[in-house]
């Protein structure tokens, strides 16, 4: 294998690793946003009742 083919293979491997890394980052961000949204909905639904004090 000559130098050009070796560098081409290295660039391909680097690009695949980069894509996997970005997919993990974006997936984690998406999941985090979904959890925050569902927690906010649950917080709105569970409101304490007003107690009439005598």
N, C-alpha and C. Protein backbone atom coordinates (compact mmCIF):
# COMPACT_ATOMS: atom_id res chain seq x y z
N UNK A 1 0.85 -1.17 0.00
CA UNK A 1 0.00 0.00 0.00
C UNK A 1 0.89 1.24 0.00
N UNK A 2 0.57 2.16 -0.87
CA UNK A 2 1.39 3.37 -0.89
C UNK A 2 0.90 4.39 0.13
N UNK A 3 1.63 5.48 0.24
CA UNK A 3 1.34 6.49 1.25
C UNK A 3 -0.06 7.10 1.06
N UNK A 4 -0.46 7.35 -0.17
CA UNK A 4 -1.78 7.95 -0.42
C UNK A 4 -2.91 7.04 0.05
N UNK A 5 -2.81 5.76 -0.24
CA UNK A 5 -3.86 4.83 0.18
C UNK A 5 -3.92 4.69 1.70
N UNK A 6 -2.79 4.74 2.35
CA UNK A 6 -2.77 4.67 3.82
C UNK A 6 -3.42 5.90 4.43
N UNK A 7 -3.12 7.07 3.86
CA UNK A 7 -3.72 8.29 4.40
C UNK A 7 -5.21 8.33 4.11
N UNK A 8 -5.62 7.79 2.96
CA UNK A 8 -7.04 7.74 2.62
C UNK A 8 -7.79 6.85 3.62
N UNK A 9 -7.20 5.72 3.98
CA UNK A 9 -7.81 4.82 4.95
C UNK A 9 -7.90 5.50 6.32
N UNK A 10 -6.87 6.20 6.70
CA UNK A 10 -6.86 6.89 8.00
C UNK A 10 -7.93 7.98 8.03
N UNK A 11 -8.10 8.69 6.93
CA UNK A 11 -9.13 9.74 6.88
C UNK A 11 -10.52 9.13 6.96
N UNK A 12 -10.73 8.00 6.33
CA UNK A 12 -12.03 7.32 6.41
C UNK A 12 -12.32 6.88 7.83
N UNK A 13 -11.34 6.28 8.49
CA UNK A 13 -11.52 5.84 9.86
C UNK A 13 -11.82 7.04 10.76
N UNK A 14 -11.08 8.12 10.58
CA UNK A 14 -11.29 9.32 11.39
C UNK A 14 -12.68 9.89 11.15
N UNK A 15 -13.15 9.89 9.91
CA UNK A 15 -14.47 10.44 9.63
C UNK A 15 -15.57 9.57 10.23
N UNK A 16 -15.41 8.27 10.22
CA UNK A 16 -16.40 7.38 10.82
C UNK A 16 -16.43 7.57 12.34
N UNK A 17 -15.25 7.68 12.95
CA UNK A 17 -15.19 7.92 14.39
C UNK A 17 -15.85 9.25 14.73
N UNK A 18 -15.61 10.28 13.92
CA UNK A 18 -16.22 11.59 14.14
C UNK A 18 -17.74 11.51 14.04
N UNK A 19 -18.25 10.80 13.04
CA UNK A 19 -19.70 10.67 12.88
C UNK A 19 -20.33 9.94 14.06
N UNK A 20 -19.66 8.89 14.53
CA UNK A 20 -20.19 8.16 15.68
C UNK A 20 -20.19 9.06 16.92
N UNK A 21 -19.11 9.81 17.11
CA UNK A 21 -19.00 10.73 18.24
C UNK A 21 -20.11 11.77 18.19
N UNK A 22 -20.36 12.36 17.04
CA UNK A 22 -21.40 13.38 16.91
C UNK A 22 -22.79 12.77 17.12
N UNK A 23 -23.00 11.55 16.67
CA UNK A 23 -24.28 10.88 16.88
C UNK A 23 -24.54 10.66 18.36
N UNK A 24 -23.50 10.31 19.12
CA UNK A 24 -23.65 10.11 20.56
C UNK A 24 -23.98 11.45 21.24
N UNK A 25 -23.28 12.51 20.84
CA UNK A 25 -23.52 13.83 21.42
C UNK A 25 -24.96 14.28 21.13
N UNK A 26 -25.38 14.20 19.88
CA UNK A 26 -26.71 14.65 19.50
C UNK A 26 -27.79 13.77 20.12
N UNK A 27 -27.56 12.47 20.18
CA UNK A 27 -28.52 11.57 20.80
C UNK A 27 -28.68 11.86 22.29
N UNK A 28 -27.58 12.10 22.97
CA UNK A 28 -27.63 12.44 24.39
C UNK A 28 -28.36 13.74 24.64
N UNK A 29 -28.12 14.72 23.77
CA UNK A 29 -28.80 16.00 23.90
C UNK A 29 -30.29 15.84 23.70
N UNK A 30 -30.68 15.06 22.71
CA UNK A 30 -32.09 14.82 22.43
C UNK A 30 -32.77 14.13 23.61
N UNK A 31 -32.12 13.10 24.16
CA UNK A 31 -32.70 12.38 25.29
C UNK A 31 -32.82 13.30 26.50
N UNK A 32 -31.81 14.13 26.72
CA UNK A 32 -31.85 15.06 27.84
C UNK A 32 -33.01 16.04 27.70
N UNK A 33 -33.22 16.56 26.51
CA UNK A 33 -34.32 17.50 26.28
C UNK A 33 -35.66 16.81 26.49
N UNK A 34 -35.79 15.57 26.06
CA UNK A 34 -37.03 14.83 26.25
C UNK A 34 -37.32 14.60 27.74
N UNK A 35 -36.28 14.26 28.50
CA UNK A 35 -36.47 14.04 29.93
C UNK A 35 -36.87 15.34 30.63
N UNK A 36 -36.26 16.45 30.24
CA UNK A 36 -36.61 17.74 30.84
C UNK A 36 -38.05 18.11 30.52
N UNK A 37 -38.49 17.86 29.29
CA UNK A 37 -39.86 18.18 28.89
C UNK A 37 -40.86 17.30 29.64
N UNK A 38 -40.57 16.02 29.78
CA UNK A 38 -41.50 15.14 30.49
C UNK A 38 -41.53 15.47 31.98
N UNK A 39 -40.41 15.87 32.55
CA UNK A 39 -40.38 16.26 33.96
C UNK A 39 -41.18 17.55 34.17
N UNK A 40 -41.11 18.46 33.22
CA UNK A 40 -41.87 19.70 33.34
C UNK A 40 -43.37 19.42 33.24
N UNK A 41 -43.77 18.50 32.36
CA UNK A 41 -45.18 18.14 32.25
C UNK A 41 -45.67 17.48 33.53
N UNK A 42 -44.86 16.61 34.10
CA UNK A 42 -45.25 15.92 35.33
C UNK A 42 -45.36 16.92 36.47
N UNK A 43 -44.50 17.92 36.48
CA UNK A 43 -44.54 18.93 37.53
C UNK A 43 -45.80 19.77 37.43
N UNK A 44 -46.23 20.06 36.22
CA UNK A 44 -47.44 20.85 36.02
C UNK A 44 -48.67 20.06 36.44
N UNK A 45 -48.70 18.77 36.14
CA UNK A 45 -49.86 17.94 36.47
C UNK A 45 -50.01 17.71 37.96
N UNK A 46 -48.92 17.60 38.68
CA UNK A 46 -48.97 17.29 40.10
C UNK A 46 -48.83 18.59 40.88
N UNK A 47 -49.96 19.24 41.07
CA UNK A 47 -49.97 20.46 41.86
C UNK A 47 -50.71 20.18 43.15
N UNK A 48 -50.20 20.66 44.25
CA UNK A 48 -50.87 20.41 45.53
C UNK A 48 -52.20 21.15 45.60
N UNK A 49 -53.14 20.52 46.27
CA UNK A 49 -54.46 21.16 46.43
C UNK A 49 -54.36 22.26 47.45
N UNK A 50 -55.18 23.26 47.28
CA UNK A 50 -55.21 24.35 48.26
C UNK A 50 -56.03 23.89 49.46
N UNK A 51 -55.47 24.06 50.62
CA UNK A 51 -56.13 23.66 51.87
C UNK A 51 -56.70 24.91 52.50
N UNK A 52 -57.99 24.84 52.80
CA UNK A 52 -58.63 25.98 53.48
C UNK A 52 -58.27 25.94 54.95
N UNK A 53 -57.62 26.97 55.42
CA UNK A 53 -57.29 27.03 56.84
C UNK A 53 -58.40 27.72 57.58
N UNK A 54 -58.65 27.27 58.77
CA UNK A 54 -59.75 27.82 59.57
C UNK A 54 -59.23 28.95 60.43
